[in-house]
Amino acid sequence: MNGNKKTLLEVKNLETSFSTWEGMVHAVNGVSFKLSEGETLGIVGESGCGKSVTVLSLLRLIQSPPGKIVNGTAFFNGKDLMKMTEKELNEVRGSQISLIFQDPMTFFNPVLTIGEQVMEPLKLHLGVSEADAQARAIEILNMVGISNPEERLKDYPYQFSGGMRQRAMIAMALICSPQILIADEPTTALDVTVQAQIVDLVKKLRDELGMSIIWITHDLGIVAGLVDRVAVMYAGYIVETADVMELYKNPRHPYTIGLLGSLPRLDETERRKLASIDGIPPVLFRSASTCPFAPRCPYRIDRCFNENPMLRNVGDGHEIACWVDVVNHKEQV
């Protein structure tokens, strides 16, 4: 879909670990992906699989200690984010790459007005005057659907509902017109109706502003109509990646099949029992030398317990990390 577009971000072999009293936790294990101009990439997986740590590592926002980026490169506009100085990174964060967090109530400073916080990136990165920053803040709050923005600028976070706080956070993320917007499970704490409104809002803003988006979620149902491409993560690895429609029509990794089987479908004529994935995710105290999904996998073979498969192309940019051809129920050659 974005084959002819310029690659904006290219991540290779990203690894991040955390030192704990129980041992070293290998949270991200050699993650690689590309993001093109105007593209929306969905990163999907259950809690603890490394989705958030991956994107926080890109902006080097991992608290150290206990966290440490062990390996990898992340080229943004030709420059490696991993090798930038702190000053260079601060020029990128919030200006060229912006982040929307999961819980806006804990993100916003409760003793500063929404206006002060929304305008801060403009003043910090672009050095605009108070009057110009206020005019832009009013414009962006109006764009994200906050009515009477002139007055709402004076309000404090507690005076906003959960959905309105999330809209205000989106406004703050977009106020400097970033090239990439990273949304880290931005609808998790919201009810279903507000979730749909936020997803529709992001789609509308993406189309109007032409930015690239990385959308992180544990819910494959949310990304169906939002993203161009999906990367499925498990135990710190990307185990499958494909165009969104290809992934839904032709999932090839057992974990992805399990995730999709757990979703209710509106196009089914008969009722069916929703599937579940047996077992629990592994504890990541060591890098996997075997397939991390093997203990939970209904298609596992002996090879799965001896070697960890790497991503490989199975056609049209569709990649999986699996030793088994689940379509034909045989070992991959």
C-alpha atoms as a PDB file:
ATOM      1  CA  MET A   1       0.000   0.000   0.000  1.00  0.00           C
ATOM      2  CA  ASN A   2       2.870   2.344   0.817  1.00  0.00           C
ATOM      3  CA  GLY A   3       5.441   0.733  -1.454  1.00  0.00           C
ATOM      4  CA  ASN A   4       6.165   3.943  -3.367  1.00  0.00           C
ATOM      5  CA  LYS A   5       6.316   6.165  -0.306  1.00  0.00           C
ATOM      6  CA  LYS A   6       9.447   7.259   1.507  1.00  0.00           C
ATOM      7  CA  THR A   7      10.442   5.296   4.601  1.00  0.00           C
ATOM      8  CA  LEU A   8      10.170   7.683   7.525  1.00  0.00           C
ATOM      9  CA  LEU A   9      11.265   5.353  10.342  1.00  0.00           C
ATOM     10  CA  GLU A  10      13.279   2.140  10.119  1.00  0.00           C
ATOM     11  CA  VAL A  11      13.858   0.102  13.271  1.00  0.00           C
ATOM     12  CA  LYS A  12      16.317  -2.809  13.256  1.00  0.00           C
ATOM     13  CA  ASN A  13      17.068  -5.419  15.936  1.00  0.00           C
ATOM     14  CA  LEU A  14      15.836  -3.331  18.864  1.00  0.00           C
ATOM     15  CA  GLU A  15      16.475  -5.001  22.228  1.00  0.00           C
ATOM     16  CA  THR A  16      15.557  -3.655  25.657  1.00  0.00           C
ATOM     17  CA  SER A  17      16.071  -5.351  29.030  1.00  0.00           C
ATOM     18  CA  PHE A  18      15.170  -4.555  32.639  1.00  0.00           C
ATOM     19  CA  SER A  19      17.218  -5.484  35.670  1.00  0.00           C
ATOM     20  CA  THR A  20      15.012  -6.793  38.501  1.00  0.00           C
ATOM     21  CA  TRP A  21      15.737  -8.447  41.831  1.00  0.00           C
ATOM     22  CA  GLU A  22      14.630 -11.746  40.271  1.00  0.00           C
ATOM     23  CA  GLY A  23      16.900 -11.409  37.246  1.00  0.00           C
ATOM     24  CA  MET A  24      17.208  -9.714  33.850  1.00  0.00           C
ATOM     25  CA  VAL A  25      13.896  -9.395  31.998  1.00  0.00           C
ATOM     26  CA  HIS A  26      14.279  -9.407  28.205  1.00  0.00           C
ATOM     27  CA  ALA A  27      11.286  -7.233  27.308  1.00  0.00           C
ATOM     28  CA  VAL A  28      12.051  -6.495  23.637  1.00  0.00           C
ATOM     29  CA  ASN A  29      14.027  -9.041  21.640  1.00  0.00           C
ATOM     30  CA  GLY A  30      15.299  -7.896  18.252  1.00  0.00           C
ATOM     31  CA  VAL A  31      12.252  -6.022  16.951  1.00  0.00           C
ATOM     32  CA  SER A  32      12.478  -4.676  13.377  1.00  0.00           C
ATOM     33  CA  PHE A  33       9.913  -2.738  11.332  1.00  0.00           C
ATOM     34  CA  LYS A  34       9.508   0.163   8.887  1.00  0.00           C
ATOM     35  CA  LEU A  35       7.044   3.048   8.808  1.00  0.00           C
ATOM     36  CA  SER A  36       6.369   4.951   5.594  1.00  0.00           C
ATOM     37  CA  GLU A  37       5.131   8.515   5.103  1.00  0.00           C
ATOM     38  CA  GLY A  38       1.380   8.682   5.690  1.00  0.00           C
ATOM     39  CA  GLU A  39       1.202   5.068   6.841  1.00  0.00           C
ATOM     40  CA  THR A  40      -0.578   3.772   9.946  1.00  0.00           C
ATOM     41  CA  LEU A  41       1.035   0.757  11.605  1.00  0.00           C
ATOM     42  CA  GLY A  42      -0.758  -1.213  14.305  1.00  0.00           C
ATOM     43  CA  ILE A  43       1.324  -3.037  16.931  1.00  0.00           C
ATOM     44  CA  VAL A  44      -0.887  -5.664  18.558  1.00  0.00           C
ATOM     45  CA  GLY A  45      -0.426  -8.156  21.383  1.00  0.00           C
ATOM     46  CA  GLU A  46      -1.495  -9.047  24.911  1.00  0.00           C
ATOM     47  CA  SER A  47      -0.354  -7.099  27.974  1.00  0.00           C
ATOM     48  CA  GLY A  48       3.334  -7.568  28.746  1.00  0.00           C
ATOM     49  CA  CYS A  49       4.388  -8.546  25.219  1.00  0.00           C
ATOM     50  CA  GLY A  50       6.664  -5.503  24.786  1.00  0.00           C
ATOM     51  CA  LYS A  51       4.517  -3.134  22.701  1.00  0.00           C
ATOM     52  CA  SER A  52       4.854  -0.050  24.898  1.00  0.00           C
ATOM     53  CA  VAL A  53       8.490  -0.755  25.768  1.00  0.00           C
ATOM     54  CA  THR A  54       9.268  -0.886  22.036  1.00  0.00           C
ATOM     55  CA  VAL A  55       7.962   2.608  21.287  1.00  0.00           C
ATOM     56  CA  LEU A  56       9.295   4.122  24.525  1.00  0.00           C
ATOM     57  CA  SER A  57      12.698   2.710  23.561  1.00  0.00           C
ATOM     58  CA  LEU A  58      12.487   4.496  20.203  1.00  0.00           C
ATOM     59  CA  LEU A  59      12.391   7.845  22.005  1.00  0.00           C
ATOM     60  CA  ARG A  60      14.768   6.604  24.723  1.00  0.00           C
ATOM     61  CA  LEU A  61      12.170   7.191  27.411  1.00  0.00           C
ATOM     62  CA  ILE A  62      12.995   3.967  29.245  1.00  0.00           C
ATOM     63  CA  GLN A  63      13.984   4.732  32.830  1.00  0.00           C
ATOM     64  CA  SER A  64      17.598   3.701  33.338  1.00  0.00           C
ATOM     65  CA  PRO A  65      18.160   1.951  35.651  1.00  0.00           C
ATOM     66  CA  PRO A  66      16.423  -0.499  35.688  1.00  0.00           C
ATOM     67  CA  GLY A  67      15.865  -0.392  31.919  1.00  0.00           C
ATOM     68  CA  LYS A  68      18.544  -0.510  29.261  1.00  0.00           C
ATOM     69  CA  ILE A  69      18.441  -0.423  25.460  1.00  0.00           C
ATOM     70  CA  VAL A  70      20.863  -3.239  24.720  1.00  0.00           C
ATOM     71  CA  ASN A  71      20.981  -3.178  20.927  1.00  0.00           C
ATOM     72  CA  GLY A  72      19.401  -1.809  17.773  1.00  0.00           C
ATOM     73  CA  THR A  73      19.045   1.185  15.497  1.00  0.00           C
ATOM     74  CA  ALA A  74      16.071   3.453  14.758  1.00  0.00           C
ATOM     75  CA  PHE A  75      16.660   5.692  11.755  1.00  0.00           C
ATOM     76  CA  PHE A  76      14.267   8.638  11.585  1.00  0.00           C
ATOM     77  CA  ASN A  77      14.740  10.876   8.549  1.00  0.00           C
ATOM     78  CA  GLY A  78      18.164   9.307   8.072  1.00  0.00           C
ATOM     79  CA  LYS A  79      19.398   9.874  11.653  1.00  0.00           C
ATOM     80  CA  ASP A  80      19.700   7.143  14.290  1.00  0.00           C
ATOM     81  CA  LEU A  81      17.590   8.014  17.338  1.00  0.00           C
ATOM     82  CA  MET A  82      19.736   5.641  19.391  1.00  0.00           C
ATOM     83  CA  LYS A  83      22.844   7.747  18.779  1.00  0.00           C
ATOM     84  CA  MET A  84      21.377  11.229  19.135  1.00  0.00           C
ATOM     85  CA  THR A  85      22.487  13.464  21.985  1.00  0.00           C
ATOM     86  CA  GLU A  86      19.888  14.314  24.626  1.00  0.00           C
ATOM     87  CA  LYS A  87      19.601  17.814  23.144  1.00  0.00           C
ATOM     88  CA  GLU A  88      18.920  16.405  19.660  1.00  0.00           C
ATOM     89  CA  LEU A  89      16.378  13.975  21.062  1.00  0.00           C
ATOM     90  CA  ASN A  90      14.535  16.719  22.911  1.00  0.00           C
ATOM     91  CA  GLU A  91      14.135  18.522  19.593  1.00  0.00           C
ATOM     92  CA  VAL A  92      12.493  15.402  18.159  1.00  0.00           C
ATOM     93  CA  ARG A  93      10.264  14.440  21.097  1.00  0.00           C
ATOM     94  CA  GLY A  94       6.936  16.221  21.053  1.00  0.00           C
ATOM     95  CA  SER A  95       7.808  18.131  17.904  1.00  0.00           C
ATOM     96  CA  GLN A  96       8.630  15.637  15.125  1.00  0.00           C
ATOM     97  CA  ILE A  97       7.510  12.483  16.954  1.00  0.00           C
ATOM     98  CA  SER A  98       4.664  12.842  19.455  1.00  0.00           C
ATOM     99  CA  LEU A  99       3.250  10.350  21.937  1.00  0.00           C
ATOM    100  CA  ILE A 100      -0.288   9.883  23.249  1.00  0.00           C
ATOM    101  CA  PHE A 101      -0.339   7.983  26.527  1.00  0.00           C
ATOM    102  CA  GLN A 102      -2.881   5.482  27.811  1.00  0.00           C
ATOM    103  CA  ASP A 103      -4.198   7.406  30.821  1.00  0.00           C
ATOM    104  CA  PRO A 104      -4.475  11.173  30.324  1.00  0.00           C
ATOM    105  CA  MET A 105      -5.417  11.826  33.952  1.00  0.00           C
ATOM    106  CA  THR A 106      -2.012  10.659  35.187  1.00  0.00           C
ATOM    107  CA  PHE A 107      -0.225  12.390  32.303  1.00  0.00           C
ATOM    108  CA  PHE A 108      -1.615  15.899  32.759  1.00  0.00           C
ATOM    109  CA  ASN A 109      -0.288  18.058  35.597  1.00  0.00           C
ATOM    110  CA  PRO A 110      -3.316  18.632  37.861  1.00  0.00           C
ATOM    111  CA  VAL A 111      -2.217  22.119  38.994  1.00  0.00           C
ATOM    112  CA  LEU A 112      -1.708  23.581  35.498  1.00  0.00           C
ATOM    113  CA  THR A 113      -4.528  24.548  33.149  1.00  0.00           C
ATOM    114  CA  ILE A 114      -5.165  22.555  30.000  1.00  0.00           C
ATOM    115  CA  GLY A 115      -4.183  25.641  28.003  1.00  0.00           C
ATOM    116  CA  GLU A 116      -0.785  25.948  29.665  1.00  0.00           C
ATOM    117  CA  GLN A 117      -0.029  22.290  28.964  1.00  0.00           C
ATOM    118  CA  VAL A 118      -1.309  22.216  25.387  1.00  0.00           C
ATOM    119  CA  MET A 119       0.686  25.347  24.513  1.00  0.00           C
ATOM    120  CA  GLU A 120       3.931  24.186  26.148  1.00  0.00           C
ATOM    121  CA  PRO A 121       5.296  22.198  23.144  1.00  0.00           C
ATOM    122  CA  LEU A 122       4.869  25.235  20.881  1.00  0.00           C
ATOM    123  CA  LYS A 123       6.785  27.475  23.239  1.00  0.00           C
ATOM    124  CA  LEU A 124       9.451  24.861  23.941  1.00  0.00           C
ATOM    125  CA  HIS A 125      10.134  23.694  20.381  1.00  0.00           C
ATOM    126  CA  LEU A 126       9.145  26.625  18.182  1.00  0.00           C
ATOM    127  CA  GLY A 127       9.586  29.593  20.522  1.00  0.00           C
ATOM    128  CA  VAL A 128       6.262  31.203  19.571  1.00  0.00           C
ATOM    129  CA  SER A 129       4.752  34.080  21.510  1.00  0.00           C
ATOM    130  CA  GLU A 130       2.015  33.636  24.129  1.00  0.00           C
ATOM    131  CA  ALA A 131      -0.615  35.166  21.815  1.00  0.00           C
ATOM    132  CA  ASP A 132       0.337  32.970  18.843  1.00  0.00           C
ATOM    133  CA  ALA A 133       0.497  29.865  21.048  1.00  0.00           C
ATOM    134  CA  GLN A 134      -2.969  30.606  22.404  1.00  0.00           C
ATOM    135  CA  ALA A 135      -4.397  31.116  18.916  1.00  0.00           C
ATOM    136  CA  ARG A 136      -2.902  27.806  17.753  1.00  0.00           C
ATOM    137  CA  ALA A 137      -4.149  26.018  20.894  1.00  0.00           C
ATOM    138  CA  ILE A 138      -7.691  27.272  20.273  1.00  0.00           C
ATOM    139  CA  GLU A 139      -7.432  26.097  16.663  1.00  0.00           C
ATOM    140  CA  ILE A 140      -6.164  22.607  17.584  1.00  0.00           C
ATOM    141  CA  LEU A 141      -8.686  22.122  20.438  1.00  0.00           C
ATOM    142  CA  ASN A 142     -11.443  23.014  17.998  1.00  0.00           C
ATOM    143  CA  MET A 143      -9.968  20.547  15.493  1.00  0.00           C
ATOM    144  CA  VAL A 144     -10.143  17.683  17.998  1.00  0.00           C
ATOM    145  CA  GLY A 145     -13.766  18.436  18.822  1.00  0.00           C
ATOM    146  CA  ILE A 146     -13.582  20.383  22.078  1.00  0.00           C
ATOM    147  CA  SER A 147     -16.334  22.978  22.027  1.00  0.00           C
ATOM    148  CA  ASN A 148     -15.858  26.526  23.308  1.00  0.00           C
ATOM    149  CA  PRO A 149     -12.035  26.133  23.270  1.00  0.00           C
ATOM    150  CA  GLU A 150     -11.342  29.740  24.347  1.00  0.00           C
ATOM    151  CA  GLU A 151     -12.938  29.037  27.708  1.00  0.00           C
ATOM    152  CA  ARG A 152     -11.789  25.404  28.046  1.00  0.00           C
ATOM    153  CA  LEU A 153      -8.156  26.544  27.844  1.00  0.00           C
ATOM    154  CA  LYS A 154      -8.617  28.018  31.327  1.00  0.00           C
ATOM    155  CA  ASP A 155      -9.948  24.765  32.821  1.00  0.00           C
ATOM    156  CA  TYR A 156      -7.958  22.211  34.795  1.00  0.00           C
ATOM    157  CA  PRO A 157      -7.711  18.494  33.882  1.00  0.00           C
ATOM    158  CA  TYR A 158     -10.213  17.427  36.575  1.00  0.00           C
ATOM    159  CA  GLN A 159     -12.835  19.589  34.853  1.00  0.00           C
ATOM    160  CA  PHE A 160     -12.607  17.448  31.689  1.00  0.00           C
ATOM    161  CA  SER A 161     -14.246  14.050  31.220  1.00  0.00           C
ATOM    162  CA  GLY A 162     -12.053  11.074  30.294  1.00  0.00           C
ATOM    163  CA  GLY A 163     -12.882  11.416  26.600  1.00  0.00           C
ATOM    164  CA  MET A 164     -12.256  15.160  26.639  1.00  0.00           C
ATOM    165  CA  ARG A 165      -8.899  14.695  28.396  1.00  0.00           C
ATOM    166  CA  GLN A 166      -7.892  12.234  25.693  1.00  0.00           C
ATOM    167  CA  ARG A 167      -8.888  14.755  23.023  1.00  0.00           C
ATOM    168  CA  ALA A 168      -6.854  17.418  24.821  1.00  0.00           C
ATOM    169  CA  MET A 169      -3.858  15.081  24.885  1.00  0.00           C
ATOM    170  CA  ILE A 170      -4.250  14.465  21.149  1.00  0.00           C
ATOM    171  CA  ALA A 171      -4.339  18.246  20.667  1.00  0.00           C
ATOM    172  CA  MET A 172      -1.115  18.652  22.641  1.00  0.00           C
ATOM    173  CA  ALA A 173       0.528  15.854  20.618  1.00  0.00           C
ATOM    174  CA  LEU A 174      -0.462  17.464  17.321  1.00  0.00           C
ATOM    175  CA  ILE A 175       0.137  21.128  18.099  1.00  0.00           C
ATOM    176  CA  CYS A 176       3.646  21.109  16.546  1.00  0.00           C
ATOM    177  CA  SER A 177       2.458  19.154  13.471  1.00  0.00           C
ATOM    178  CA  PRO A 178       4.628  16.046  14.052  1.00  0.00           C
ATOM    179  CA  GLN A 179       5.587  13.656  11.274  1.00  0.00           C
ATOM    180  CA  ILE A 180       4.850  10.615  13.463  1.00  0.00           C
ATOM    181  CA  LEU A 181       2.148  10.187  16.096  1.00  0.00           C
ATOM    182  CA  ILE A 182       2.563   7.246  18.495  1.00  0.00           C
ATOM    183  CA  ALA A 183      -0.676   6.272  20.245  1.00  0.00           C
ATOM    184  CA  ASP A 184      -0.042   3.922  23.184  1.00  0.00           C
ATOM    185  CA  GLU A 185      -3.401   2.219  23.852  1.00  0.00           C
ATOM    186  CA  PRO A 186      -5.150   5.606  23.915  1.00  0.00           C
ATOM    187  CA  THR A 187      -8.672   4.180  24.234  1.00  0.00           C
ATOM    188  CA  THR A 188      -8.133   1.517  26.915  1.00  0.00           C
ATOM    189  CA  ALA A 189      -9.558   3.519  29.839  1.00  0.00           C
ATOM    190  CA  LEU A 190     -12.570   4.790  27.865  1.00  0.00           C
ATOM    191  CA  ASP A 191     -16.027   3.314  27.350  1.00  0.00           C
ATOM    192  CA  VAL A 192     -16.857   1.732  23.981  1.00  0.00           C
ATOM    193  CA  THR A 193     -18.738   4.734  22.568  1.00  0.00           C
ATOM    194  CA  VAL A 194     -15.926   7.152  23.403  1.00  0.00           C
ATOM    195  CA  GLN A 195     -13.374   4.640  22.053  1.00  0.00           C
ATOM    196  CA  ALA A 196     -15.103   4.748  18.672  1.00  0.00           C
ATOM    197  CA  GLN A 197     -15.153   8.556  18.739  1.00  0.00           C
ATOM    198  CA  ILE A 198     -11.401   8.740  19.462  1.00  0.00           C
ATOM    199  CA  VAL A 199     -10.571   6.239  16.685  1.00  0.00           C
ATOM    200  CA  ASP A 200     -12.725   8.191  14.199  1.00  0.00           C
ATOM    201  CA  LEU A 201     -11.073  11.430  15.320  1.00  0.00           C
ATOM    202  CA  VAL A 202      -7.555  10.052  14.789  1.00  0.00           C
ATOM    203  CA  LYS A 203      -8.516   8.738  11.327  1.00  0.00           C
ATOM    204  CA  LYS A 204      -9.922  12.139  10.392  1.00  0.00           C
ATOM    205  CA  LEU A 205      -6.847  14.006  11.643  1.00  0.00           C
ATOM    206  CA  ARG A 206      -4.500  11.563   9.900  1.00  0.00           C
ATOM    207  CA  ASP A 207      -6.261  12.126   6.583  1.00  0.00           C
ATOM    208  CA  GLU A 208      -6.274  15.911   7.039  1.00  0.00           C
ATOM    209  CA  LEU A 209      -2.671  16.256   8.272  1.00  0.00           C
ATOM    210  CA  GLY A 210      -0.992  13.409   6.368  1.00  0.00           C
ATOM    211  CA  MET A 211       1.015  12.190   9.365  1.00  0.00           C
ATOM    212  CA  SER A 212       2.241   8.650  10.027  1.00  0.00           C
ATOM    213  CA  ILE A 213       0.849   6.784  13.034  1.00  0.00           C
ATOM    214  CA  ILE A 214       1.967   3.886  15.210  1.00  0.00           C
ATOM    215  CA  TRP A 215      -1.113   2.624  17.068  1.00  0.00           C
ATOM    216  CA  ILE A 216      -0.486   0.240  19.979  1.00  0.00           C
ATOM    217  CA  THR A 217      -3.316  -1.945  21.241  1.00  0.00           C
ATOM    218  CA  HIS A 218      -4.186  -5.377  22.623  1.00  0.00           C
ATOM    219  CA  ASP A 219      -7.456  -5.323  20.660  1.00  0.00           C
ATOM    220  CA  LEU A 220      -7.344  -6.505  17.036  1.00  0.00           C
ATOM    221  CA  GLY A 221     -10.930  -5.321  16.652  1.00  0.00           C
ATOM    222  CA  ILE A 222      -9.949  -1.665  17.046  1.00  0.00           C
ATOM    223  CA  VAL A 223      -7.263  -1.608  14.346  1.00  0.00           C
ATOM    224  CA  ALA A 224      -9.336  -3.245  11.577  1.00  0.00           C
ATOM    225  CA  GLY A 225     -10.589   0.002  10.049  1.00  0.00           C
ATOM    226  CA  LEU A 226      -7.741   2.215  11.224  1.00  0.00           C
ATOM    227  CA  VAL A 227      -4.342   0.840  10.186  1.00  0.00           C
ATOM    228  CA  ASP A 228      -2.675  -0.072   6.900  1.00  0.00           C
ATOM    229  CA  ARG A 229      -0.378  -2.747   8.324  1.00  0.00           C
ATOM    230  CA  VAL A 230      -0.280  -4.841  11.493  1.00  0.00           C
ATOM    231  CA  ALA A 231       2.670  -6.193  13.481  1.00  0.00           C
ATOM    232  CA  VAL A 232       1.667  -8.861  16.016  1.00  0.00           C
ATOM    233  CA  MET A 233       3.956  -9.104  19.065  1.00  0.00           C
ATOM    234  CA  TYR A 234       4.449 -11.959  21.503  1.00  0.00           C
ATOM    235  CA  ALA A 235       7.048 -12.276  24.282  1.00  0.00           C
ATOM    236  CA  GLY A 236       9.087  -9.336  22.982  1.00  0.00           C
ATOM    237  CA  TYR A 237       9.156 -10.566  19.369  1.00  0.00           C
ATOM    238  CA  ILE A 238       7.201  -9.615  16.257  1.00  0.00           C
ATOM    239  CA  VAL A 239       5.709 -12.958  15.213  1.00  0.00           C
ATOM    240  CA  GLU A 240       3.626 -11.838  12.227  1.00  0.00           C
ATOM    241  CA  THR A 241       3.293  -8.746  10.069  1.00  0.00           C
ATOM    242  CA  ALA A 242       1.081  -8.112   7.047  1.00  0.00           C
ATOM    243  CA  ASP A 243      -1.283  -5.639   5.417  1.00  0.00           C
ATOM    244  CA  VAL A 244      -4.346  -5.359   7.627  1.00  0.00           C
ATOM    245  CA  MET A 245      -6.817  -7.008   5.255  1.00  0.00           C
ATOM    246  CA  GLU A 246      -4.375  -9.830   4.466  1.00  0.00           C
ATOM    247  CA  LEU A 247      -3.867 -10.457   8.181  1.00  0.00           C
ATOM    248  CA  TYR A 248      -7.591 -10.721   8.853  1.00  0.00           C
ATOM    249  CA  LYS A 249      -8.319 -12.899   5.812  1.00  0.00           C
ATOM    250  CA  ASN A 250      -5.232 -15.085   5.976  1.00  0.00           C
ATOM    251  CA  PRO A 251      -3.592 -15.204   9.429  1.00  0.00           C
ATOM    252  CA  ARG A 252      -0.599 -17.557   9.339  1.00  0.00           C
ATOM    253  CA  HIS A 253       0.842 -17.538  12.864  1.00  0.00           C
ATOM    254  CA  PRO A 254      -0.933 -19.662  15.512  1.00  0.00           C
ATOM    255  CA  TYR A 255      -0.919 -16.765  17.987  1.00  0.00           C
ATOM    256  CA  THR A 256      -2.612 -14.421  15.497  1.00  0.00           C
ATOM    257  CA  ILE A 257      -5.145 -17.137  14.680  1.00  0.00           C
ATOM    258  CA  GLY A 258      -5.872 -17.431  18.406  1.00  0.00           C
ATOM    259  CA  LEU A 259      -6.302 -13.662  18.816  1.00  0.00           C
ATOM    260  CA  LEU A 260      -8.691 -13.442  15.870  1.00  0.00           C
ATOM    261  CA  GLY A 261     -10.610 -16.500  17.090  1.00  0.00           C
ATOM    262  CA  SER A 262     -11.322 -14.714  20.360  1.00  0.00           C
ATOM    263  CA  LEU A 263     -13.135 -11.860  18.573  1.00  0.00           C
ATOM    264  CA  PRO A 264     -16.892 -11.926  17.924  1.00  0.00           C
ATOM    265  CA  ARG A 265     -17.818 -11.389  14.261  1.00  0.00           C
ATOM    266  CA  LEU A 266     -20.848  -9.566  12.869  1.00  0.00           C
ATOM    267  CA  ASP A 267     -20.763 -11.441   9.541  1.00  0.00           C
ATOM    268  CA  GLU A 268     -21.280 -14.900  11.032  1.00  0.00           C
ATOM    269  CA  THR A 269     -24.654 -16.510  10.396  1.00  0.00           C
ATOM    270  CA  GLU A 270     -24.325 -19.061  13.192  1.00  0.00           C
ATOM    271  CA  ARG A 271     -23.407 -18.597  16.810  1.00  0.00           C
ATOM    272  CA  ARG A 272     -20.006 -19.977  17.803  1.00  0.00           C
ATOM    273  CA  LYS A 273     -18.055 -20.261  20.992  1.00  0.00           C
ATOM    274  CA  LEU A 274     -15.264 -17.712  21.147  1.00  0.00           C
ATOM    275  CA  ALA A 275     -11.821 -19.316  21.189  1.00  0.00           C
ATOM    276  CA  SER A 276      -9.274 -18.873  23.947  1.00  0.00           C
ATOM    277  CA  ILE A 277      -5.512 -19.364  24.036  1.00  0.00           C
ATOM    278  CA  ASP A 278      -4.530 -21.921  26.641  1.00  0.00           C
ATOM    279  CA  GLY A 279      -1.678 -21.292  29.051  1.00  0.00           C
ATOM    280  CA  ILE A 280       0.093 -18.086  30.064  1.00  0.00           C
ATOM    281  CA  PRO A 281       2.809 -15.936  28.439  1.00  0.00           C
ATOM    282  CA  PRO A 282       6.403 -16.863  29.300  1.00  0.00           C
ATOM    283  CA  VAL A 283       8.459 -15.085  31.941  1.00  0.00           C
ATOM    284  CA  LEU A 284      11.206 -13.364  29.974  1.00  0.00           C
ATOM    285  CA  PHE A 285      14.210 -13.953  32.221  1.00  0.00           C
ATOM    286  CA  ARG A 286      16.270 -15.203  29.297  1.00  0.00           C
ATOM    287  CA  SER A 287      16.328 -14.734  25.552  1.00  0.00           C
ATOM    288  CA  ALA A 288      14.327 -17.442  23.851  1.00  0.00           C
ATOM    289  CA  SER A 289      16.339 -20.186  22.184  1.00  0.00           C
ATOM    290  CA  THR A 290      13.092 -21.976  21.313  1.00  0.00           C
ATOM    291  CA  CYS A 291       9.787 -20.662  19.989  1.00  0.00           C
ATOM    292  CA  PRO A 292       8.302 -18.659  22.916  1.00  0.00           C
ATOM    293  CA  PHE A 293       4.750 -19.568  21.867  1.00  0.00           C
ATOM    294  CA  ALA A 294       5.396 -23.322  21.594  1.00  0.00           C
ATOM    295  CA  PRO A 295       4.035 -24.306  25.066  1.00  0.00           C
ATOM    296  CA  ARG A 296       0.651 -22.717  24.186  1.00  0.00           C
ATOM    297  CA  CYS A 297       0.556 -23.644  20.486  1.00  0.00           C
ATOM    298  CA  PRO A 298      -1.871 -26.294  19.127  1.00  0.00           C
ATOM    299  CA  TYR A 299       0.309 -26.712  15.999  1.00  0.00           C
ATOM    300  CA  ARG A 300       3.659 -27.231  17.753  1.00  0.00           C
ATOM    301  CA  ILE A 301       6.176 -29.772  16.504  1.00  0.00           C
ATOM    302  CA  ASP A 302       9.478 -31.005  17.959  1.00  0.00           C
ATOM    303  CA  ARG A 303      11.456 -28.332  16.100  1.00  0.00           C
ATOM    304  CA  CYS A 304       9.602 -25.580  17.980  1.00  0.00           C
ATOM    305  CA  PHE A 305      11.305 -26.685  21.205  1.00  0.00           C
ATOM    306  CA  ASN A 306      14.770 -26.705  19.611  1.00  0.00           C
ATOM    307  CA  GLU A 307      14.940 -23.490  17.541  1.00  0.00           C
ATOM    308  CA  ASN A 308      13.387 -20.046  17.686  1.00  0.00           C
ATOM    309  CA  PRO A 309      12.048 -19.161  14.199  1.00  0.00           C
ATOM    310  CA  MET A 310      12.888 -15.792  12.690  1.00  0.00           C
ATOM    311  CA  LEU A 311      10.493 -13.738  10.546  1.00  0.00           C
ATOM    312  CA  ARG A 312      10.319 -14.835   6.928  1.00  0.00           C
ATOM    313  CA  ASN A 313       8.259 -13.796   3.937  1.00  0.00           C
ATOM    314  CA  VAL A 314       5.358 -16.053   2.973  1.00  0.00           C
ATOM    315  CA  GLY A 315       4.192 -13.788   0.122  1.00  0.00           C
ATOM    316  CA  ASP A 316       3.312 -10.148  -0.644  1.00  0.00           C
ATOM    317  CA  GLY A 317       5.142  -8.731   2.370  1.00  0.00           C
ATOM    318  CA  HIS A 318       3.374 -11.134   4.731  1.00  0.00           C
ATOM    319  CA  GLU A 319       5.941 -12.353   7.286  1.00  0.00           C
ATOM    320  CA  ILE A 320       5.636 -14.938  10.054  1.00  0.00           C
ATOM    321  CA  ALA A 321       7.972 -16.430  12.656  1.00  0.00           C
ATOM    322  CA  CYS A 322       6.777 -20.039  12.726  1.00  0.00           C
ATOM    323  CA  TRP A 323       8.107 -23.478  11.807  1.00  0.00           C
ATOM    324  CA  VAL A 324       4.657 -24.769  10.811  1.00  0.00           C
ATOM    325  CA  ASP A 325       2.540 -24.140   7.708  1.00  0.00           C
ATOM    326  CA  VAL A 326      -0.751 -23.959   9.584  1.00  0.00           C
ATOM    327  CA  VAL A 327      -2.771 -23.816   6.359  1.00  0.00           C
ATOM    328  CA  ASN A 328      -1.521 -27.200   5.137  1.00  0.00           C
ATOM    329  CA  HIS A 329      -0.666 -28.570   8.618  1.00  0.00           C
ATOM    330  CA  LYS A 330       2.925 -29.383   7.791  1.00  0.00           C
ATOM    331  CA  GLU A 331       6.401 -28.210   8.741  1.00  0.00           C
ATOM    332  CA  GLN A 332       7.732 -25.215   6.839  1.00  0.00           C
ATOM    333  CA  VAL A 333      10.609 -26.048   4.538  1.00  0.00           C
END
